[in-house]
C-alpha atoms as a PDB file:
ATOM      1  CA  MET A   1      80.348 104.308  97.431  1.00  0.00           C
ATOM      2  CA  LYS A   2      82.030 102.951 100.558  1.00  0.00           C
ATOM      3  CA  PHE A   3      80.738 105.958 102.578  1.00  0.00           C
ATOM      4  CA  LYS A   4      77.239 105.376 101.201  1.00  0.00           C
ATOM      5  CA  ASN A   5      77.328 101.717 102.300  1.00  0.00           C
ATOM      6  CA  LYS A   6      78.405 102.755 105.801  1.00  0.00           C
ATOM      7  CA  GLU A   7      75.501 105.192 106.075  1.00  0.00           C
ATOM      8  CA  GLN A   8      73.030 102.565 104.838  1.00  0.00           C
ATOM      9  CA  ASN A   9      74.352 100.034 107.353  1.00  0.00           C
ATOM     10  CA  LYS A  10      74.049 102.572 110.165  1.00  0.00           C
ATOM     11  CA  ARG A  11      70.440 103.317 109.227  1.00  0.00           C
ATOM     12  CA  TRP A  12      69.477  99.632 109.100  1.00  0.00           C
ATOM     13  CA  ILE A  13      71.227  98.919 112.427  1.00  0.00           C
ATOM     14  CA  VAL A  14      69.050 101.599 114.050  1.00  0.00           C
ATOM     15  CA  ILE A  15      65.885 100.256 112.352  1.00  0.00           C
ATOM     16  CA  TYR A  16      66.507  96.660 113.443  1.00  0.00           C
ATOM     17  CA  ALA A  17      67.411  97.771 116.975  1.00  0.00           C
ATOM     18  CA  ILE A  18      64.156  99.775 117.277  1.00  0.00           C
ATOM     19  CA  MET A  19      62.171  96.820 115.902  1.00  0.00           C
ATOM     20  CA  ALA A  20      63.784  94.459 118.432  1.00  0.00           C
ATOM     21  CA  VAL A  21      62.996  96.811 121.352  1.00  0.00           C
ATOM     22  CA  ILE A  22      59.377  97.297 120.239  1.00  0.00           C
ATOM     23  CA  LEU A  23      58.849  93.557 119.763  1.00  0.00           C
ATOM     24  CA  LEU A  24      60.454  92.858 123.139  1.00  0.00           C
ATOM     25  CA  ALA A  25      58.028  95.299 124.746  1.00  0.00           C
ATOM     26  CA  VAL A  26      55.120  93.568 122.961  1.00  0.00           C
ATOM     27  CA  TYR A  27      56.394  90.193 124.205  1.00  0.00           C
ATOM     28  CA  TYR A  28      56.237  91.350 127.845  1.00  0.00           C
ATOM     29  CA  LEU A  29      52.897  93.128 127.344  1.00  0.00           C
ATOM     30  CA  LEU A  30      51.398  89.770 126.394  1.00  0.00           C
ATOM     31  CA  ASN A  31      51.852  88.720 130.057  1.00  0.00           C
ATOM     32  CA  LEU A  32      49.470  91.421 131.307  1.00  0.00           C
ATOM     33  CA  GLU A  33      46.292  90.224 133.053  1.00  0.00           C
ATOM     34  CA  ILE A  34      44.079  92.378 130.822  1.00  0.00           C
ATOM     35  CA  LEU A  35      44.865  89.940 127.997  1.00  0.00           C
ATOM     36  CA  ASP A  36      43.729  86.858 129.927  1.00  0.00           C
ATOM     37  CA  SER A  37      40.674  86.583 127.674  1.00  0.00           C
ATOM     38  CA  TRP A  38      43.096  85.788 124.822  1.00  0.00           C
ATOM     39  CA  ASP A  39      44.586  82.781 126.635  1.00  0.00           C
ATOM     40  CA  LYS A  40      44.380  80.451 123.681  1.00  0.00           C
ATOM     41  CA  TYR A  41      46.179  82.932 121.405  1.00  0.00           C
ATOM     42  CA  ILE A  42      48.853  84.110 123.848  1.00  0.00           C
ATOM     43  CA  PRO A  43      51.310  81.158 123.352  1.00  0.00           C
ATOM     44  CA  PHE A  44      51.130  81.581 119.570  1.00  0.00           C
ATOM     45  CA  LEU A  45      51.602  85.364 119.768  1.00  0.00           C
ATOM     46  CA  LYS A  46      54.516  84.981 122.180  1.00  0.00           C
ATOM     47  CA  LYS A  47      56.291  82.493 119.929  1.00  0.00           C
ATOM     48  CA  PHE A  48      55.606  84.629 116.867  1.00  0.00           C
ATOM     49  CA  THR A  49      56.917  87.773 118.608  1.00  0.00           C
ATOM     50  CA  LEU A  50      60.001  85.936 119.893  1.00  0.00           C
ATOM     51  CA  SER A  51      60.738  84.724 116.351  1.00  0.00           C
ATOM     52  CA  LEU A  52      60.554  88.279 115.018  1.00  0.00           C
ATOM     53  CA  ILE A  53      62.836  89.488 117.836  1.00  0.00           C
ATOM     54  CA  LEU A  54      65.432  86.858 116.950  1.00  0.00           C
ATOM     55  CA  ILE A  55      65.233  87.704 113.245  1.00  0.00           C
ATOM     56  CA  SER A  56      65.653  91.424 114.002  1.00  0.00           C
ATOM     57  CA  ILE A  57      68.681  90.683 116.190  1.00  0.00           C
ATOM     58  CA  ILE A  58      70.203  88.421 113.495  1.00  0.00           C
ATOM     59  CA  PHE A  59      69.899  91.102 110.809  1.00  0.00           C
ATOM     60  CA  MET A  60      71.083  93.828 113.194  1.00  0.00           C
ATOM     61  CA  ILE A  61      74.224  91.807 114.012  1.00  0.00           C
ATOM     62  CA  SER A  62      74.806  91.131 110.298  1.00  0.00           C
ATOM     63  CA  LYS A  63      74.645  94.874 109.587  1.00  0.00           C
ATOM     64  CA  ILE A  64      77.047  95.614 112.450  1.00  0.00           C
ATOM     65  CA  ILE A  65      79.516  93.050 111.071  1.00  0.00           C
ATOM     66  CA  GLY A  66      78.995  94.509 107.590  1.00  0.00           C
ATOM     67  CA  ARG A  67      79.820  97.974 108.948  1.00  0.00           C
ATOM     68  CA  VAL A  68      83.044  96.613 110.465  1.00  0.00           C
ATOM     69  CA  VAL A  69      83.968  94.934 107.154  1.00  0.00           C
ATOM     70  CA  ASN A  70      83.343  98.187 105.240  1.00  0.00           C
ATOM     71  CA  SER A  71      85.627 100.060 107.632  1.00  0.00           C
ATOM     72  CA  GLN A  72      88.573  97.747 106.934  1.00  0.00           C
ATOM     73  CA  ASN A  73      91.054  98.160 104.088  1.00  0.00           C
ATOM     74  CA  HIS A  74      90.023  95.046 102.207  1.00  0.00           C
ATOM     75  CA  LEU A  75      90.249  94.781  98.435  1.00  0.00           C
ATOM     76  CA  GLU A  76      86.948  95.635  96.782  1.00  0.00           C
ATOM     77  CA  GLY A  77      86.424  92.030  95.652  1.00  0.00           C
ATOM     78  CA  ASP A  78      87.196  90.585  99.100  1.00  0.00           C
ATOM     79  CA  ARG A  79      84.888  93.075 100.797  1.00  0.00           C
ATOM     80  CA  TYR A  80      82.108  92.210  98.354  1.00  0.00           C
ATOM     81  CA  ASN A  81      82.506  88.459  99.027  1.00  0.00           C
ATOM     82  CA  LEU A  82      82.562  88.922 102.821  1.00  0.00           C
ATOM     83  CA  LEU A  83      79.361  90.970 102.738  1.00  0.00           C
ATOM     84  CA  ARG A  84      77.697  88.325 100.556  1.00  0.00           C
ATOM     85  CA  ILE A  85      78.682  85.564 103.006  1.00  0.00           C
ATOM     86  CA  ILE A  86      77.377  87.578 105.983  1.00  0.00           C
ATOM     87  CA  ARG A  87      74.090  88.191 104.188  1.00  0.00           C
ATOM     88  CA  PHE A  88      73.752  84.517 103.271  1.00  0.00           C
ATOM     89  CA  ILE A  89      74.410  83.343 106.854  1.00  0.00           C
ATOM     90  CA  SER A  90      71.848  85.810 108.238  1.00  0.00           C
ATOM     91  CA  ILE A  91      69.223  84.559 105.755  1.00  0.00           C
ATOM     92  CA  VAL A  92      69.941  80.919 106.667  1.00  0.00           C
ATOM     93  CA  LEU A  93      69.673  81.648 110.401  1.00  0.00           C
ATOM     94  CA  SER A  94      66.419  83.543 109.840  1.00  0.00           C
ATOM     95  CA  LEU A  95      64.989  80.617 107.875  1.00  0.00           C
ATOM     96  CA  ILE A  96      65.895  78.278 110.747  1.00  0.00           C
ATOM     97  CA  VAL A  97      64.056  80.568 113.181  1.00  0.00           C
ATOM     98  CA  VAL A  98      60.988  80.709 110.913  1.00  0.00           C
ATOM     99  CA  THR A  99      61.011  76.938 110.417  1.00  0.00           C
ATOM    100  CA  SER A 100      61.341  76.368 114.167  1.00  0.00           C
ATOM    101  CA  PHE A 101      58.344  78.629 114.726  1.00  0.00           C
ATOM    102  CA  LEU A 102      56.250  76.776 112.145  1.00  0.00           C
ATOM    103  CA  PHE A 103      57.146  73.289 113.382  1.00  0.00           C
ATOM    104  CA  GLN A 104      57.387  74.003 117.118  1.00  0.00           C
ATOM    105  CA  ASN A 105      60.746  72.281 117.673  1.00  0.00           C
ATOM    106  CA  LEU A 106      64.169  72.277 116.085  1.00  0.00           C
ATOM    107  CA  LEU A 107      64.313  68.510 115.419  1.00  0.00           C
ATOM    108  CA  ALA A 108      61.121  68.562 113.385  1.00  0.00           C
ATOM    109  CA  ALA A 109      62.350  71.678 111.605  1.00  0.00           C
ATOM    110  CA  ALA A 110      65.643  69.996 110.668  1.00  0.00           C
ATOM    111  CA  ALA A 111      63.851  66.872 109.371  1.00  0.00           C
ATOM    112  CA  THR A 112      61.394  68.929 107.334  1.00  0.00           C
ATOM    113  CA  LEU A 113      64.161  71.132 106.007  1.00  0.00           C
ATOM    114  CA  GLY A 114      66.135  68.054 104.950  1.00  0.00           C
ATOM    115  CA  LEU A 115      63.155  66.563 103.087  1.00  0.00           C
ATOM    116  CA  PHE A 116      62.355  69.902 101.508  1.00  0.00           C
ATOM    117  CA  SER A 117      65.987  70.278 100.382  1.00  0.00           C
ATOM    118  CA  LEU A 118      65.937  66.806  98.813  1.00  0.00           C
ATOM    119  CA  ILE A 119      62.849  67.659  96.762  1.00  0.00           C
ATOM    120  CA  LEU A 120      64.316  70.982  95.694  1.00  0.00           C
ATOM    121  CA  GLY A 121      67.579  69.261  94.768  1.00  0.00           C
ATOM    122  CA  PHE A 122      65.824  67.322  92.009  1.00  0.00           C
ATOM    123  CA  ALA A 123      63.646  70.202  90.858  1.00  0.00           C
ATOM    124  CA  LEU A 124      66.318  72.929  90.849  1.00  0.00           C
ATOM    125  CA  GLN A 125      69.519  71.230  89.740  1.00  0.00           C
ATOM    126  CA  ALA A 126      70.794  74.141  87.598  1.00  0.00           C
ATOM    127  CA  PRO A 127      70.352  76.877  90.250  1.00  0.00           C
ATOM    128  CA  ILE A 128      71.827  74.611  92.937  1.00  0.00           C
ATOM    129  CA  THR A 129      74.869  73.923  90.733  1.00  0.00           C
ATOM    130  CA  SER A 130      75.284  77.675  90.251  1.00  0.00           C
ATOM    131  CA  PHE A 131      75.055  78.199  94.017  1.00  0.00           C
ATOM    132  CA  ILE A 132      77.734  75.529  94.615  1.00  0.00           C
ATOM    133  CA  ALA A 133      79.856  77.314  92.001  1.00  0.00           C
ATOM    134  CA  TRP A 134      79.377  80.572  93.974  1.00  0.00           C
ATOM    135  CA  VAL A 135      80.729  78.831  97.104  1.00  0.00           C
ATOM    136  CA  TYR A 136      83.644  77.573  94.985  1.00  0.00           C
ATOM    137  CA  LEU A 137      84.270  81.138  93.768  1.00  0.00           C
ATOM    138  CA  ILE A 138      84.333  82.491  97.318  1.00  0.00           C
ATOM    139  CA  PHE A 139      87.029  80.076  98.446  1.00  0.00           C
ATOM    140  CA  ARG A 140      88.967  79.573  95.184  1.00  0.00           C
ATOM    141  CA  ARG A 141      88.891  83.296  94.263  1.00  0.00           C
ATOM    142  CA  SER A 142      88.960  82.580  90.524  1.00  0.00           C
ATOM    143  CA  TYR A 143      87.857  86.185  90.054  1.00  0.00           C
ATOM    144  CA  LEU A 144      86.688  89.076  92.208  1.00  0.00           C
ATOM    145  CA  VAL A 145      84.530  92.146  91.629  1.00  0.00           C
ATOM    146  CA  GLY A 146      86.644  94.609  89.633  1.00  0.00           C
ATOM    147  CA  ASP A 147      88.664  91.931  87.788  1.00  0.00           C
ATOM    148  CA  ARG A 148      88.744  91.744  84.011  1.00  0.00           C
ATOM    149  CA  ILE A 149      88.009  88.186  82.892  1.00  0.00           C
ATOM    150  CA  GLN A 150      87.345  86.153  79.783  1.00  0.00           C
ATOM    151  CA  ILE A 151      85.137  83.065  79.786  1.00  0.00           C
ATOM    152  CA  LYS A 152      83.542  81.243  76.844  1.00  0.00           C
ATOM    153  CA  GLY A 153      84.179  84.135  74.458  1.00  0.00           C
ATOM    154  CA  PHE A 154      82.860  86.764  76.876  1.00  0.00           C
ATOM    155  CA  ARG A 155      85.316  89.383  78.088  1.00  0.00           C
ATOM    156  CA  GLY A 156      84.650  92.192  80.528  1.00  0.00           C
ATOM    157  CA  ASP A 157      84.946  93.655  84.022  1.00  0.00           C
ATOM    158  CA  VAL A 158      83.181  91.850  86.870  1.00  0.00           C
ATOM    159  CA  VAL A 159      80.618  94.141  88.533  1.00  0.00           C
ATOM    160  CA  GLU A 160      78.521  91.626  90.507  1.00  0.00           C
ATOM    161  CA  ILE A 161      78.840  88.049  91.741  1.00  0.00           C
ATOM    162  CA  SER A 162      75.430  86.973  92.996  1.00  0.00           C
ATOM    163  CA  TYR A 163      74.500  83.585  94.431  1.00  0.00           C
ATOM    164  CA  LEU A 164      73.436  82.245  91.024  1.00  0.00           C
ATOM    165  CA  ASP A 165      75.073  84.353  88.314  1.00  0.00           C
ATOM    166  CA  THR A 166      77.872  86.781  87.515  1.00  0.00           C
ATOM    167  CA  SER A 167      77.510  90.125  85.733  1.00  0.00           C
ATOM    168  CA  ILE A 168      80.305  91.675  83.676  1.00  0.00           C
ATOM    169  CA  LEU A 169      80.551  94.939  81.735  1.00  0.00           C
ATOM    170  CA  GLU A 170      81.626  93.830  78.264  1.00  0.00           C
ATOM    171  CA  CYS A 171      84.797  95.208  76.707  1.00  0.00           C
ATOM    172  CA  SER A 172      85.683  94.844  73.012  1.00  0.00           C
ATOM    173  CA  GLY A 173      82.649  92.928  71.720  1.00  0.00           C
ATOM    174  CA  ASP A 174      81.043  92.855  68.272  1.00  0.00           C
ATOM    175  CA  TYR A 175      81.361  96.559  67.464  1.00  0.00           C
ATOM    176  CA  LEU A 176      84.727  97.515  68.984  1.00  0.00           C
ATOM    177  CA  GLY A 177      88.266  96.719  67.935  1.00  0.00           C
ATOM    178  CA  ASN A 178      89.887  97.794  71.189  1.00  0.00           C
ATOM    179  CA  ASP A 179      89.575  97.086  74.911  1.00  0.00           C
ATOM    180  CA  ARG A 180      87.099  99.876  75.622  1.00  0.00           C
ATOM    181  CA  LYS A 181      83.819  99.048  77.371  1.00  0.00           C
ATOM    182  CA  SER A 182      80.982  98.431  74.932  1.00  0.00           C
ATOM    183  CA  GLY A 183      78.260  99.540  77.376  1.00  0.00           C
ATOM    184  CA  ARG A 184      76.599  96.125  77.388  1.00  0.00           C
ATOM    185  CA  THR A 185      76.162  93.898  80.432  1.00  0.00           C
ATOM    186  CA  ILE A 186      76.690  90.138  80.130  1.00  0.00           C
ATOM    187  CA  ARG A 187      75.251  87.778  82.741  1.00  0.00           C
ATOM    188  CA  PHE A 188      76.186  84.118  82.881  1.00  0.00           C
ATOM    189  CA  PRO A 189      75.368  81.386  85.430  1.00  0.00           C
ATOM    190  CA  ASN A 190      78.075  80.672  87.990  1.00  0.00           C
ATOM    191  CA  SER A 191      77.923  77.002  86.994  1.00  0.00           C
ATOM    192  CA  LEU A 192      79.779  77.971  83.800  1.00  0.00           C
ATOM    193  CA  ILE A 193      83.056  78.268  85.745  1.00  0.00           C
ATOM    194  CA  LEU A 194      82.911  74.542  86.549  1.00  0.00           C
ATOM    195  CA  LYS A 195      82.889  73.690  82.833  1.00  0.00           C
ATOM    196  CA  GLU A 196      84.885  76.422  81.070  1.00  0.00           C
ATOM    197  CA  GLU A 197      88.378  77.890  81.270  1.00  0.00           C
ATOM    198  CA  ILE A 198      88.628  81.327  82.913  1.00  0.00           C
ATOM    199  CA  THR A 199      91.219  83.903  81.931  1.00  0.00           C
ATOM    200  CA  ASN A 200      91.718  86.510  84.657  1.00  0.00           C
ATOM    201  CA  TYR A 201      93.589  89.615  83.475  1.00  0.00           C
ATOM    202  CA  SER A 202      93.623  91.175  86.951  1.00  0.00           C
ATOM    203  CA  GLY A 203      94.904  90.337  90.401  1.00  0.00           C
ATOM    204  CA  PRO A 204      96.546  91.877  93.488  1.00  0.00           C
ATOM    205  CA  ASP A 205      99.822  89.946  93.012  1.00  0.00           C
ATOM    206  CA  VAL A 206     100.231  90.547  89.270  1.00  0.00           C
ATOM    207  CA  PRO A 207      98.570  93.891  88.482  1.00  0.00           C
ATOM    208  CA  PHE A 208      99.868  94.113  84.899  1.00  0.00           C
ATOM    209  CA  ILE A 209      99.520  92.188  81.660  1.00  0.00           C
ATOM    210  CA  TRP A 210     101.745  92.552  78.619  1.00  0.00           C
ATOM    211  CA  ASN A 211     100.560  94.402  75.538  1.00  0.00           C
ATOM    212  CA  GLU A 212     102.276  95.472  72.333  1.00  0.00           C
ATOM    213  CA  THR A 213     101.882  98.156  69.672  1.00  0.00           C
ATOM    214  CA  PRO A 214     103.491  97.885  66.193  1.00  0.00           C
ATOM    215  CA  LEU A 215     104.743 100.770  64.019  1.00  0.00           C
ATOM    216  CA  GLN A 216     105.522 100.349  60.317  1.00  0.00           C
ATOM    217  CA  ILE A 217     108.886 101.810  59.320  1.00  0.00           C
ATOM    218  CA  ALA A 218     111.260 101.577  56.361  1.00  0.00           C
ATOM    219  CA  PHE A 219     114.181  99.139  56.230  1.00  0.00           C
ATOM    220  CA  THR A 220     116.520 102.120  55.943  1.00  0.00           C
ATOM    221  CA  SER A 221     115.421 103.582  59.319  1.00  0.00           C
ATOM    222  CA  ASP A 222     117.839 103.954  62.219  1.00  0.00           C
ATOM    223  CA  LEU A 223     116.657 101.001  64.298  1.00  0.00           C
ATOM    224  CA  GLN A 224     118.572 102.010  67.432  1.00  0.00           C
ATOM    225  CA  PHE A 225     117.017 105.496  67.330  1.00  0.00           C
ATOM    226  CA  VAL A 226     113.524 104.036  66.890  1.00  0.00           C
ATOM    227  CA  GLU A 227     114.071 101.603  69.766  1.00  0.00           C
ATOM    228  CA  ASP A 228     115.345 104.350  72.087  1.00  0.00           C
ATOM    229  CA  CYS A 229     112.362 106.623  71.328  1.00  0.00           C
ATOM    230  CA  LEU A 230     109.776 103.914  71.945  1.00  0.00           C
ATOM    231  CA  LEU A 231     111.455 102.722  75.148  1.00  0.00           C
ATOM    232  CA  LYS A 232     111.718 106.269  76.522  1.00  0.00           C
ATOM    233  CA  ALA A 233     108.037 106.983  75.800  1.00  0.00           C
ATOM    234  CA  SER A 234     106.985 103.758  77.523  1.00  0.00           C
ATOM    235  CA  LEU A 235     109.276 104.177  80.544  1.00  0.00           C
ATOM    236  CA  ASP A 236     108.336 107.843  81.106  1.00  0.00           C
ATOM    237  CA  ASP A 237     104.629 107.026  80.996  1.00  0.00           C
ATOM    238  CA  PHE A 238     105.107 104.072  83.371  1.00  0.00           C
ATOM    239  CA  LYS A 239     107.004 106.191  85.937  1.00  0.00           C
ATOM    240  CA  GLU A 240     104.407 108.955  85.757  1.00  0.00           C
ATOM    241  CA  ARG A 241     101.490 106.527  86.006  1.00  0.00           C
ATOM    242  CA  TYR A 242     102.922 104.402  88.837  1.00  0.00           C
ATOM    243  CA  PRO A 243     105.213 106.638  90.938  1.00  0.00           C
ATOM    244  CA  GLN A 244     104.607 104.442  94.011  1.00  0.00           C
ATOM    245  CA  LEU A 245     106.586 101.518  92.540  1.00  0.00           C
ATOM    246  CA  ASP A 246     110.218 101.321  93.612  1.00  0.00           C
ATOM    247  CA  SER A 247     113.033 100.826  91.102  1.00  0.00           C
ATOM    248  CA  GLN A 248     113.291  97.103  91.856  1.00  0.00           C
ATOM    249  CA  LYS A 249     109.646  96.525  90.963  1.00  0.00           C
ATOM    250  CA  ARG A 250     109.975  98.692  87.852  1.00  0.00           C
ATOM    251  CA  ASP A 251     112.898  96.549  86.699  1.00  0.00           C
ATOM    252  CA  ALA A 252     110.595  93.518  86.698  1.00  0.00           C
ATOM    253  CA  TRP A 253     108.299  95.324  84.239  1.00  0.00           C
ATOM    254  CA  LYS A 254     110.786  96.768  81.760  1.00  0.00           C
ATOM    255  CA  PRO A 255     109.389  97.308  78.235  1.00  0.00           C
ATOM    256  CA  ALA A 256     111.142  95.872  75.191  1.00  0.00           C
ATOM    257  CA  VAL A 257     111.302  96.610  71.465  1.00  0.00           C
ATOM    258  CA  TYR A 258     111.682  94.018  68.735  1.00  0.00           C
ATOM    259  CA  PHE A 259     111.537  94.198  64.932  1.00  0.00           C
ATOM    260  CA  ARG A 260     109.731  91.983  62.450  1.00  0.00           C
ATOM    261  CA  ILE A 261     108.986  91.901  58.742  1.00  0.00           C
ATOM    262  CA  ASN A 262     105.558  93.186  57.713  1.00  0.00           C
ATOM    263  CA  THR A 263     103.435  91.405  55.099  1.00  0.00           C
ATOM    264  CA  TYR A 264     103.435  94.516  52.881  1.00  0.00           C
ATOM    265  CA  ALA A 265     107.233  94.785  52.578  1.00  0.00           C
ATOM    266  CA  TRP A 266     107.695  97.245  55.449  1.00  0.00           C
ATOM    267  CA  MET A 267     109.397  96.558  58.746  1.00  0.00           C
ATOM    268  CA  GLU A 268     107.510  96.756  62.030  1.00  0.00           C
ATOM    269  CA  ALA A 269     108.967  98.153  65.227  1.00  0.00           C
ATOM    270  CA  VAL A 270     106.968  96.567  68.057  1.00  0.00           C
ATOM    271  CA  ILE A 271     106.989  98.032  71.577  1.00  0.00           C
ATOM    272  CA  SER A 272     106.007  95.473  74.237  1.00  0.00           C
ATOM    273  CA  TYR A 273     105.037  96.993  77.582  1.00  0.00           C
ATOM    274  CA  PRO A 274     103.187  96.223  80.854  1.00  0.00           C
ATOM    275  CA  VAL A 275      99.752  97.695  81.363  1.00  0.00           C
ATOM    276  CA  GLU A 276      96.817  97.409  83.733  1.00  0.00           C
ATOM    277  CA  PRO A 277      93.919  95.577  82.018  1.00  0.00           C
ATOM    278  CA  LEU A 278      91.601  98.593  82.313  1.00  0.00           C
ATOM    279  CA  ASP A 279      94.204 100.965  80.827  1.00  0.00           C
ATOM    280  CA  THR A 280      95.219  99.150  77.614  1.00  0.00           C
ATOM    281  CA  THR A 281      93.823 101.704  75.167  1.00  0.00           C
ATOM    282  CA  GLY A 282      94.852 104.731  77.232  1.00  0.00           C
ATOM    283  CA  ARG A 283      98.444 103.554  77.697  1.00  0.00           C
ATOM    284  CA  ARG A 284      98.864 102.776  74.000  1.00  0.00           C
ATOM    285  CA  ASN A 285      97.621 106.269  73.115  1.00  0.00           C
ATOM    286  CA  ARG A 286      99.970 107.957  75.604  1.00  0.00           C
ATOM    287  CA  ILE A 287     103.003 106.050  74.286  1.00  0.00           C
ATOM    288  CA  LEU A 288     102.180 106.935  70.659  1.00  0.00           C
ATOM    289  CA  ARG A 289     101.500 110.593  71.500  1.00  0.00           C
ATOM    290  CA  ALA A 290     104.932 110.806  73.172  1.00  0.00           C
ATOM    291  CA  ALA A 291     106.940 108.778  70.626  1.00  0.00           C
ATOM    292  CA  LEU A 292     105.542 109.835  67.218  1.00  0.00           C
ATOM    293  CA  PRO A 293     106.447 113.563  67.424  1.00  0.00           C
ATOM    294  CA  VAL A 294     110.073 112.607  68.202  1.00  0.00           C
ATOM    295  CA  LEU A 295     110.192 110.050  65.381  1.00  0.00           C
ATOM    296  CA  ASN A 296     108.577 112.457  62.909  1.00  0.00           C
ATOM    297  CA  SER A 297     111.078 115.178  63.831  1.00  0.00           C
ATOM    298  CA  ALA A 298     113.934 113.043  62.466  1.00  0.00           C
ATOM    299  CA  PRO A 299     112.940 112.145  58.863  1.00  0.00           C
ATOM    300  CA  ASP A 300     116.594 111.380  58.040  1.00  0.00           C
ATOM    301  CA  LYS A 301     116.553 108.575  60.638  1.00  0.00           C
ATOM    302  CA  VAL A 302     112.987 107.281  60.431  1.00  0.00           C
ATOM    303  CA  LYS A 303     110.758 106.840  57.389  1.00  0.00           C
ATOM    304  CA  PHE A 304     107.094 105.830  57.584  1.00  0.00           C
ATOM    305  CA  PRO A 305     104.742 104.411  54.894  1.00  0.00           C
ATOM    306  CA  GLU A 306     103.342 107.409  53.076  1.00  0.00           C
ATOM    307  CA  GLY A 307     101.030 108.008  50.085  1.00  0.00           C
ATOM    308  CA  SER A 308     101.706 105.679  47.159  1.00  0.00           C
ATOM    309  CA  LEU A 309     104.690 104.201  49.013  1.00  0.00           C
ATOM    310  CA  ARG A 310     102.442 102.202  51.306  1.00  0.00           C
END
């Protein structure tokens, strides 16, 4: 995806550069004597051509900056926000150029733009609030593209933060009892973040959240044996999944086992472990696949609910 964006930027840089050169040539051709019969149109054509040259240069520079941003090792969410800001600035500058062309001077353009903004402010309060919320998101970094969030009952992975709304790929949802993606996209206005609490399950500083998985066992089970099996399964999976973490960081994310009484007269052995938000279901499955064969191989130490004994 990153390579594709680089190629697209390169193509658009070339297109805008060619457009700027062609328009510059047209601008100087308008000074030729053979066009003297068009005297009354020449000033307008020159100003129009100059405006298009400036717009081409603005977008060419924005694509060059975008190419530089894509080449850096930014987090995906930070890169996305930077590209959005660059695009927004280039649009604003282009609008200023267009307005200056229409109103002949910058002072008149600024006054007209101010009046126009005032009128729009009353007519488009909701979109403007969402745009202000987008600016807030950029600087406050409440969530980034790729984060798993929950807001007003919606939970999912952020895939797009536009100027007016945010799109997330829903996980869990009405038809799922786990953290798998449901396949549905939820869009909500950015203004919602100014009124609702946001739960962010992701982040560069704290990559894990805590999850737990209970197992029903008999009161006569060897609790120390059960605890050792569950801890070993969790620790082995963690080391295999995150080999880049040093021992000191692993110590900060040690799993734990605790026991509690189940409603149906059985005991529950609960393994609590760290997990990346996008890997909750997968990590639970890997721990169970590793631990259950060991527990089942020692029926004298561990007994599970079975048949009519449930």
